[in-house]
Amino acid sequence: MDAARVVILREILSATEWVDRTRDFARSLRSSTRERGGLLLVGTPTEEPWHLAAHLEDEARYGGIPEISPTLVRWSPQADAPSHLAVGLDRLENARRGETVFVVAPNTPPAALLERVSDARKSGATILSIDTGDQDLEDLAHDAITVPETGLVTAPRPRPLPDIVHDPNAYGHAPSLVIPDLSLPEVSFEAVQHLVSVAAGENVTAPGGKRRGFRDRLARFLDLVSGPAPER
């Protein structure tokens, strides 16, 4: 999902609780981590959150928020992997106050992970999770977002009824009131991660004391990638 689609998704969800919820969660993420490298991002043995790690790293760079630059904690890093890809589960055992263990679990987290998360919490680390409703994990988390495996089906904002249209398939070919489908698409586990990463880079103070929103940062990102628009 690219940045433009995230903008569209947030517009669609603006009438629901999910934009505010992911903003609240992102606020916990920013406030609980005090320094670069202290955000420990870990998944399950079969699903490591590579994509979320990349997006958080982008938000950290473009938003000037080094504390949300993640350390990807891996289950079985290769011995010859570069340093940023060679951090194993033992890093969780050294988590401390001022650091955050962020668990992303689209499937059931194993007991070995829960034990390490529990130890990290006892050591003073903040525990955050995005999961599909695992109660053991959520009992350990200071803040958690649950994404049901079927996706989040949210109610749309009430809208005026549409104009009457002629439906030739209606009984007797009489004019009938056709109500379009206003239900929102399911919000997937991946989409929630995008919403959180975008929110993590929001509301930071830009030079001059101005609060930088997502659209400002998107424009800055496009400038960095393709250069500023030519002057007319």
C-alpha atoms as a PDB file:
ATOM      1  CA  MET A   1       0.000   0.000   0.000  1.00  0.00           C
ATOM      2  CA  ASP A   2       1.544   3.301  -1.091  1.00  0.00           C
ATOM      3  CA  ALA A   3       1.229   6.680   0.615  1.00  0.00           C
ATOM      4  CA  ALA A   4      -1.594   7.873  -1.632  1.00  0.00           C
ATOM      5  CA  ARG A   5      -3.698   4.838  -0.793  1.00  0.00           C
ATOM      6  CA  VAL A   6      -3.126   5.398   2.916  1.00  0.00           C
ATOM      7  CA  VAL A   7      -4.503   8.932   2.491  1.00  0.00           C
ATOM      8  CA  ILE A   8      -7.586   7.531   0.756  1.00  0.00           C
ATOM      9  CA  LEU A   9      -8.051   4.856   3.408  1.00  0.00           C
ATOM     10  CA  ARG A  10      -7.897   7.425   6.188  1.00  0.00           C
ATOM     11  CA  GLU A  11     -10.451   9.585   4.405  1.00  0.00           C
ATOM     12  CA  ILE A  12     -12.773   6.592   4.105  1.00  0.00           C
ATOM     13  CA  LEU A  13     -12.334   5.766   7.788  1.00  0.00           C
ATOM     14  CA  SER A  14     -12.608   9.364   9.005  1.00  0.00           C
ATOM     15  CA  ALA A  15     -16.129   8.775  10.334  1.00  0.00           C
ATOM     16  CA  THR A  16     -15.082   5.728  12.340  1.00  0.00           C
ATOM     17  CA  GLU A  17     -13.043   5.259  15.484  1.00  0.00           C
ATOM     18  CA  TRP A  18     -10.068   3.752  13.683  1.00  0.00           C
ATOM     19  CA  VAL A  19      -8.199   6.911  12.745  1.00  0.00           C
ATOM     20  CA  ASP A  20      -8.353   8.218  16.326  1.00  0.00           C
ATOM     21  CA  ARG A  21      -7.573   4.767  17.721  1.00  0.00           C
ATOM     22  CA  THR A  22      -4.445   4.357  15.637  1.00  0.00           C
ATOM     23  CA  ARG A  23      -3.401   7.903  16.540  1.00  0.00           C
ATOM     24  CA  ASP A  24      -3.753   7.094  20.234  1.00  0.00           C
ATOM     25  CA  PHE A  25      -1.723   3.940  19.757  1.00  0.00           C
ATOM     26  CA  ALA A  26       0.966   5.835  17.835  1.00  0.00           C
ATOM     27  CA  ARG A  27       1.122   8.389  20.646  1.00  0.00           C
ATOM     28  CA  SER A  28       1.871   5.533  23.053  1.00  0.00           C
ATOM     29  CA  LEU A  29       4.547   4.362  20.652  1.00  0.00           C
ATOM     30  CA  ARG A  30       6.274   7.733  20.505  1.00  0.00           C
ATOM     31  CA  SER A  31       6.045   8.533  24.214  1.00  0.00           C
ATOM     32  CA  SER A  32       7.221   5.155  25.492  1.00  0.00           C
ATOM     33  CA  THR A  33      10.479   5.030  23.520  1.00  0.00           C
ATOM     34  CA  ARG A  34      13.184   7.457  24.557  1.00  0.00           C
ATOM     35  CA  GLU A  35      15.988   6.930  22.060  1.00  0.00           C
ATOM     36  CA  ARG A  36      16.828   5.522  18.653  1.00  0.00           C
ATOM     37  CA  GLY A  37      17.065   1.744  18.712  1.00  0.00           C
ATOM     38  CA  GLY A  38      14.796   1.392  21.718  1.00  0.00           C
ATOM     39  CA  LEU A  39      11.731   0.394  19.710  1.00  0.00           C
ATOM     40  CA  LEU A  40      11.996  -3.402  19.488  1.00  0.00           C
ATOM     41  CA  LEU A  41       9.715  -4.672  16.735  1.00  0.00           C
ATOM     42  CA  VAL A  42       9.043  -8.402  16.747  1.00  0.00           C
ATOM     43  CA  GLY A  43       6.635 -10.727  14.988  1.00  0.00           C
ATOM     44  CA  THR A  44       5.931 -14.448  15.060  1.00  0.00           C
ATOM     45  CA  PRO A  45       8.148 -17.214  13.642  1.00  0.00           C
ATOM     46  CA  THR A  46       6.201 -17.300  10.381  1.00  0.00           C
ATOM     47  CA  GLU A  47       5.400 -13.573  10.053  1.00  0.00           C
ATOM     48  CA  GLU A  48       8.159 -11.035  10.685  1.00  0.00           C
ATOM     49  CA  PRO A  49       7.047  -7.383  10.322  1.00  0.00           C
ATOM     50  CA  TRP A  50       9.519  -6.326   7.628  1.00  0.00           C
ATOM     51  CA  HIS A  51       7.048  -4.028   5.934  1.00  0.00           C
ATOM     52  CA  LEU A  52       6.101  -2.171   9.106  1.00  0.00           C
ATOM     53  CA  ALA A  53       9.770  -1.814  10.048  1.00  0.00           C
ATOM     54  CA  ALA A  54      10.484  -0.139   6.707  1.00  0.00           C
ATOM     55  CA  HIS A  55       7.563   2.256   7.055  1.00  0.00           C
ATOM     56  CA  LEU A  56       8.470   3.230  10.609  1.00  0.00           C
ATOM     57  CA  GLU A  57      12.040   3.837   9.484  1.00  0.00           C
ATOM     58  CA  ASP A  58      10.724   6.144   6.738  1.00  0.00           C
ATOM     59  CA  GLU A  59       8.530   8.012   9.211  1.00  0.00           C
ATOM     60  CA  ALA A  60      11.478   8.386  11.580  1.00  0.00           C
ATOM     61  CA  ARG A  61      13.671   9.777   8.803  1.00  0.00           C
ATOM     62  CA  TYR A  62      11.221  12.114   7.106  1.00  0.00           C
ATOM     63  CA  GLY A  63       9.578  13.275  10.330  1.00  0.00           C
ATOM     64  CA  GLY A  64      12.788  13.716  12.299  1.00  0.00           C
ATOM     65  CA  ILE A  65      11.648  11.280  15.020  1.00  0.00           C
ATOM     66  CA  PRO A  66      14.611   8.979  15.707  1.00  0.00           C
ATOM     67  CA  GLU A  67      12.922   7.238  18.631  1.00  0.00           C
ATOM     68  CA  ILE A  68      10.455   5.464  16.291  1.00  0.00           C
ATOM     69  CA  SER A  69      13.254   4.046  14.152  1.00  0.00           C
ATOM     70  CA  PRO A  70      12.722   0.350  14.905  1.00  0.00           C
ATOM     71  CA  THR A  71      15.079  -2.460  15.773  1.00  0.00           C
ATOM     72  CA  LEU A  72      13.744  -5.503  13.951  1.00  0.00           C
ATOM     73  CA  VAL A  73      14.025  -8.471  16.302  1.00  0.00           C
ATOM     74  CA  ARG A  74      14.241 -11.711  14.347  1.00  0.00           C
ATOM     75  CA  TRP A  75      13.628 -15.318  15.246  1.00  0.00           C
ATOM     76  CA  SER A  76      16.493 -16.900  13.318  1.00  0.00           C
ATOM     77  CA  PRO A  77      18.884 -14.279  11.956  1.00  0.00           C
ATOM     78  CA  GLN A  78      21.633 -15.596   9.723  1.00  0.00           C
ATOM     79  CA  ALA A  79      25.132 -15.476  11.117  1.00  0.00           C
ATOM     80  CA  ASP A  80      26.388 -13.387   8.204  1.00  0.00           C
ATOM     81  CA  ALA A  81      23.414 -10.984   8.140  1.00  0.00           C
ATOM     82  CA  PRO A  82      24.155  -7.240   8.295  1.00  0.00           C
ATOM     83  CA  SER A  83      23.984  -5.795  11.785  1.00  0.00           C
ATOM     84  CA  HIS A  84      20.485  -4.318  11.443  1.00  0.00           C
ATOM     85  CA  LEU A  85      19.150  -7.745  10.393  1.00  0.00           C
ATOM     86  CA  ALA A  86      21.110  -9.799  12.921  1.00  0.00           C
ATOM     87  CA  VAL A  87      19.240  -8.904  16.116  1.00  0.00           C
ATOM     88  CA  GLY A  88      17.835 -12.039  17.735  1.00  0.00           C
ATOM     89  CA  LEU A  89      15.282 -12.728  20.447  1.00  0.00           C
ATOM     90  CA  ASP A  90      17.902 -12.355  23.160  1.00  0.00           C
ATOM     91  CA  ARG A  91      17.597  -8.591  22.627  1.00  0.00           C
ATOM     92  CA  LEU A  92      14.187  -8.778  24.313  1.00  0.00           C
ATOM     93  CA  GLU A  93      15.831 -10.179  27.415  1.00  0.00           C
ATOM     94  CA  ASN A  94      17.834  -6.967  27.702  1.00  0.00           C
ATOM     95  CA  ALA A  95      14.877  -4.607  27.209  1.00  0.00           C
ATOM     96  CA  ARG A  96      14.682  -1.948  29.883  1.00  0.00           C
ATOM     97  CA  ARG A  97      12.722   1.074  31.020  1.00  0.00           C
ATOM     98  CA  GLY A  98      12.524   3.669  28.275  1.00  0.00           C
ATOM     99  CA  GLU A  99      12.341   0.987  25.581  1.00  0.00           C
ATOM    100  CA  THR A 100       9.310  -0.529  23.893  1.00  0.00           C
ATOM    101  CA  VAL A 101       8.605  -4.074  22.784  1.00  0.00           C
ATOM    102  CA  PHE A 102       6.153  -3.814  19.885  1.00  0.00           C
ATOM    103  CA  VAL A 103       4.677  -7.216  19.013  1.00  0.00           C
ATOM    104  CA  VAL A 104       2.979  -7.656  15.645  1.00  0.00           C
ATOM    105  CA  ALA A 105       1.151 -10.985  15.676  1.00  0.00           C
ATOM    106  CA  PRO A 106      -1.162 -11.820  12.771  1.00  0.00           C
ATOM    107  CA  ASN A 107      -1.179 -15.374  14.103  1.00  0.00           C
ATOM    108  CA  THR A 108      -0.838 -16.979  17.537  1.00  0.00           C
ATOM    109  CA  PRO A 109       2.341 -15.882  19.337  1.00  0.00           C
ATOM    110  CA  PRO A 110       4.258 -18.868  20.737  1.00  0.00           C
ATOM    111  CA  ALA A 111       4.956 -19.346  24.414  1.00  0.00           C
ATOM    112  CA  ALA A 112       8.646 -18.551  23.888  1.00  0.00           C
ATOM    113  CA  LEU A 113       7.717 -15.054  22.706  1.00  0.00           C
ATOM    114  CA  LEU A 114       5.203 -14.469  25.494  1.00  0.00           C
ATOM    115  CA  GLU A 115       7.803 -15.446  28.091  1.00  0.00           C
ATOM    116  CA  ARG A 116      10.305 -12.937  26.723  1.00  0.00           C
ATOM    117  CA  VAL A 117       7.656 -10.231  26.500  1.00  0.00           C
ATOM    118  CA  SER A 118       6.676 -10.897  30.102  1.00  0.00           C
ATOM    119  CA  ASP A 119      10.307 -10.618  31.216  1.00  0.00           C
ATOM    120  CA  ALA A 120      10.700  -7.364  29.277  1.00  0.00           C
ATOM    121  CA  ARG A 121       7.661  -5.924  31.009  1.00  0.00           C
ATOM    122  CA  LYS A 122       9.039  -6.904  34.416  1.00  0.00           C
ATOM    123  CA  SER A 123      12.252  -5.067  33.484  1.00  0.00           C
ATOM    124  CA  GLY A 124      10.293  -1.869  32.879  1.00  0.00           C
ATOM    125  CA  ALA A 125       9.835  -1.929  29.088  1.00  0.00           C
ATOM    126  CA  THR A 126       6.528  -0.807  27.605  1.00  0.00           C
ATOM    127  CA  ILE A 127       4.649  -3.538  25.725  1.00  0.00           C
ATOM    128  CA  LEU A 128       2.519  -2.714  22.685  1.00  0.00           C
ATOM    129  CA  SER A 129       0.811  -5.107  20.304  1.00  0.00           C
ATOM    130  CA  ILE A 130      -1.211  -5.398  17.154  1.00  0.00           C
ATOM    131  CA  ASP A 131      -2.762  -8.850  17.138  1.00  0.00           C
ATOM    132  CA  THR A 132      -5.827 -10.851  16.224  1.00  0.00           C
ATOM    133  CA  GLY A 133      -7.179 -11.167  19.745  1.00  0.00           C
ATOM    134  CA  ASP A 134      -4.674 -13.330  21.596  1.00  0.00           C
ATOM    135  CA  GLN A 135      -5.672 -12.842  25.238  1.00  0.00           C
ATOM    136  CA  ASP A 136      -2.320 -13.872  26.724  1.00  0.00           C
ATOM    137  CA  LEU A 137      -0.505 -11.272  24.646  1.00  0.00           C
ATOM    138  CA  GLU A 138      -3.037  -8.538  25.313  1.00  0.00           C
ATOM    139  CA  ASP A 139      -2.868  -9.219  29.059  1.00  0.00           C
ATOM    140  CA  LEU A 140       0.837  -8.336  28.876  1.00  0.00           C
ATOM    141  CA  ALA A 141       0.402  -5.277  26.670  1.00  0.00           C
ATOM    142  CA  HIS A 142       0.084  -1.742  27.993  1.00  0.00           C
ATOM    143  CA  ASP A 143      -1.745  -0.848  24.773  1.00  0.00           C
ATOM    144  CA  ALA A 144      -3.080  -3.220  22.122  1.00  0.00           C
ATOM    145  CA  ILE A 145      -5.050  -3.043  18.907  1.00  0.00           C
ATOM    146  CA  THR A 146      -7.091  -6.119  18.096  1.00  0.00           C
ATOM    147  CA  VAL A 147      -7.744  -6.875  14.435  1.00  0.00           C
ATOM    148  CA  PRO A 148     -10.202  -9.770  14.068  1.00  0.00           C
ATOM    149  CA  GLU A 149      -9.090 -12.307  11.495  1.00  0.00           C
ATOM    150  CA  THR A 150     -12.127 -11.456   9.395  1.00  0.00           C
ATOM    151  CA  GLY A 151     -11.076  -7.794   9.253  1.00  0.00           C
ATOM    152  CA  LEU A 152     -12.675  -4.714  10.767  1.00  0.00           C
ATOM    153  CA  VAL A 153     -16.034  -3.917   9.241  1.00  0.00           C
ATOM    154  CA  THR A 154     -16.927  -0.379  10.238  1.00  0.00           C
ATOM    155  CA  ALA A 155     -20.109   1.647   9.903  1.00  0.00           C
ATOM    156  CA  PRO A 156     -20.059   4.486   7.369  1.00  0.00           C
ATOM    157  CA  ARG A 157     -20.959   8.070   8.121  1.00  0.00           C
ATOM    158  CA  PRO A 158     -24.694   8.680   7.575  1.00  0.00           C
ATOM    159  CA  ARG A 159     -25.312  10.266   4.183  1.00  0.00           C
ATOM    160  CA  PRO A 160     -28.381  11.780   2.486  1.00  0.00           C
ATOM    161  CA  LEU A 161     -30.499   9.321   0.552  1.00  0.00           C
ATOM    162  CA  PRO A 162     -29.647   9.277  -3.153  1.00  0.00           C
ATOM    163  CA  ASP A 163     -31.972  10.454  -5.870  1.00  0.00           C
ATOM    164  CA  ILE A 164     -34.565   8.058  -7.178  1.00  0.00           C
ATOM    165  CA  VAL A 165     -33.236   6.215 -10.192  1.00  0.00           C
ATOM    166  CA  HIS A 166     -35.018   4.096 -12.752  1.00  0.00           C
ATOM    167  CA  ASP A 167     -34.208   0.438 -12.328  1.00  0.00           C
ATOM    168  CA  PRO A 168     -35.363  -1.404 -15.473  1.00  0.00           C
ATOM    169  CA  ASN A 169     -35.107  -4.709 -13.614  1.00  0.00           C
ATOM    170  CA  ALA A 170     -37.585  -3.660 -10.950  1.00  0.00           C
ATOM    171  CA  TYR A 171     -41.017  -5.295 -10.841  1.00  0.00           C
ATOM    172  CA  GLY A 172     -43.313  -3.806 -13.477  1.00  0.00           C
ATOM    173  CA  HIS A 173     -40.431  -1.609 -14.733  1.00  0.00           C
ATOM    174  CA  ALA A 174     -41.607   1.079 -12.331  1.00  0.00           C
ATOM    175  CA  PRO A 175     -39.173   3.633 -10.890  1.00  0.00           C
ATOM    176  CA  SER A 176     -37.635   2.310  -7.667  1.00  0.00           C
ATOM    177  CA  LEU A 177     -35.359   3.678  -4.992  1.00  0.00           C
ATOM    178  CA  VAL A 178     -31.909   2.187  -5.431  1.00  0.00           C
ATOM    179  CA  ILE A 179     -29.677   2.567  -2.377  1.00  0.00           C
ATOM    180  CA  PRO A 180     -25.976   2.160  -3.185  1.00  0.00           C
ATOM    181  CA  ASP A 181     -23.837  -0.033  -0.965  1.00  0.00           C
ATOM    182  CA  LEU A 182     -22.328   2.345   1.588  1.00  0.00           C
ATOM    183  CA  SER A 183     -20.559  -0.283   3.645  1.00  0.00           C
ATOM    184  CA  LEU A 184     -16.838   0.139   4.026  1.00  0.00           C
ATOM    185  CA  PRO A 185     -14.367  -2.469   2.871  1.00  0.00           C
ATOM    186  CA  GLU A 186     -12.757  -4.653   5.477  1.00  0.00           C
ATOM    187  CA  VAL A 187      -9.692  -3.154   7.094  1.00  0.00           C
ATOM    188  CA  SER A 188      -6.994  -5.765   6.918  1.00  0.00           C
ATOM    189  CA  PHE A 189      -4.223  -6.501   9.388  1.00  0.00           C
ATOM    190  CA  GLU A 190      -1.761  -4.948   6.965  1.00  0.00           C
ATOM    191  CA  ALA A 191      -3.867  -1.809   6.581  1.00  0.00           C
ATOM    192  CA  VAL A 192      -3.941  -1.273  10.346  1.00  0.00           C
ATOM    193  CA  GLN A 193      -0.140  -1.392  10.379  1.00  0.00           C
ATOM    194  CA  HIS A 194      -0.080   1.303   7.700  1.00  0.00           C
ATOM    195  CA  LEU A 195      -2.448   3.477   9.708  1.00  0.00           C
ATOM    196  CA  VAL A 196      -0.256   3.120  12.792  1.00  0.00           C
ATOM    197  CA  SER A 197       2.993   3.897  10.969  1.00  0.00           C
ATOM    198  CA  VAL A 198       1.493   6.997   9.364  1.00  0.00           C
ATOM    199  CA  ALA A 199       0.082   8.177  12.690  1.00  0.00           C
ATOM    200  CA  ALA A 200       3.452   7.622  14.356  1.00  0.00           C
ATOM    201  CA  GLY A 201       4.943  10.368  12.205  1.00  0.00           C
ATOM    202  CA  GLU A 202       2.090  12.820  12.710  1.00  0.00           C
ATOM    203  CA  ASN A 203       1.847  15.884  14.890  1.00  0.00           C
ATOM    204  CA  VAL A 204       5.567  16.385  15.250  1.00  0.00           C
ATOM    205  CA  THR A 205       6.934  19.896  15.479  1.00  0.00           C
ATOM    206  CA  ALA A 206       8.582  21.165  12.328  1.00  0.00           C
ATOM    207  CA  PRO A 207      11.120  24.016  12.266  1.00  0.00           C
ATOM    208  CA  GLY A 208       9.413  27.252  13.322  1.00  0.00           C
ATOM    209  CA  GLY A 209       7.128  25.489  15.783  1.00  0.00           C
ATOM    210  CA  LYS A 210       4.538  24.428  13.207  1.00  0.00           C
ATOM    211  CA  ARG A 211       2.909  21.043  13.629  1.00  0.00           C
ATOM    212  CA  ARG A 212       3.634  18.848  10.618  1.00  0.00           C
ATOM    213  CA  GLY A 213       0.669  16.764   9.472  1.00  0.00           C
ATOM    214  CA  PHE A 214       0.640  13.727   7.207  1.00  0.00           C
ATOM    215  CA  ARG A 215      -0.018  15.696   4.027  1.00  0.00           C
ATOM    216  CA  ASP A 216       2.924  18.001   4.761  1.00  0.00           C
ATOM    217  CA  ARG A 217       5.187  15.018   5.266  1.00  0.00           C
ATOM    218  CA  LEU A 218       3.884  13.345   2.121  1.00  0.00           C
ATOM    219  CA  ALA A 219       4.752  16.455   0.120  1.00  0.00           C
ATOM    220  CA  ARG A 220       8.202  16.544   1.690  1.00  0.00           C
ATOM    221  CA  PHE A 221       8.705  12.871   0.884  1.00  0.00           C
ATOM    222  CA  LEU A 222       7.775  13.432  -2.761  1.00  0.00           C
ATOM    223  CA  ASP A 223      10.215  16.341  -2.910  1.00  0.00           C
ATOM    224  CA  LEU A 224      12.972  14.121  -1.599  1.00  0.00           C
ATOM    225  CA  VAL A 225      12.180  11.361  -4.108  1.00  0.00           C
ATOM    226  CA  SER A 226      11.523  13.369  -7.267  1.00  0.00           C
ATOM    227  CA  GLY A 227      12.647  16.888  -6.420  1.00  0.00           C
ATOM    228  CA  PRO A 228      10.443  19.949  -5.898  1.00  0.00           C
ATOM    229  CA  ALA A 229       7.919  20.895  -8.529  1.00  0.00           C
ATOM    230  CA  PRO A 230       9.344  23.297 -11.159  1.00  0.00           C
ATOM    231  CA  GLU A 231       8.512  26.933 -10.715  1.00  0.00           C
ATOM    232  CA  ARG A 232       6.102  28.447 -13.207  1.00  0.00           C
END
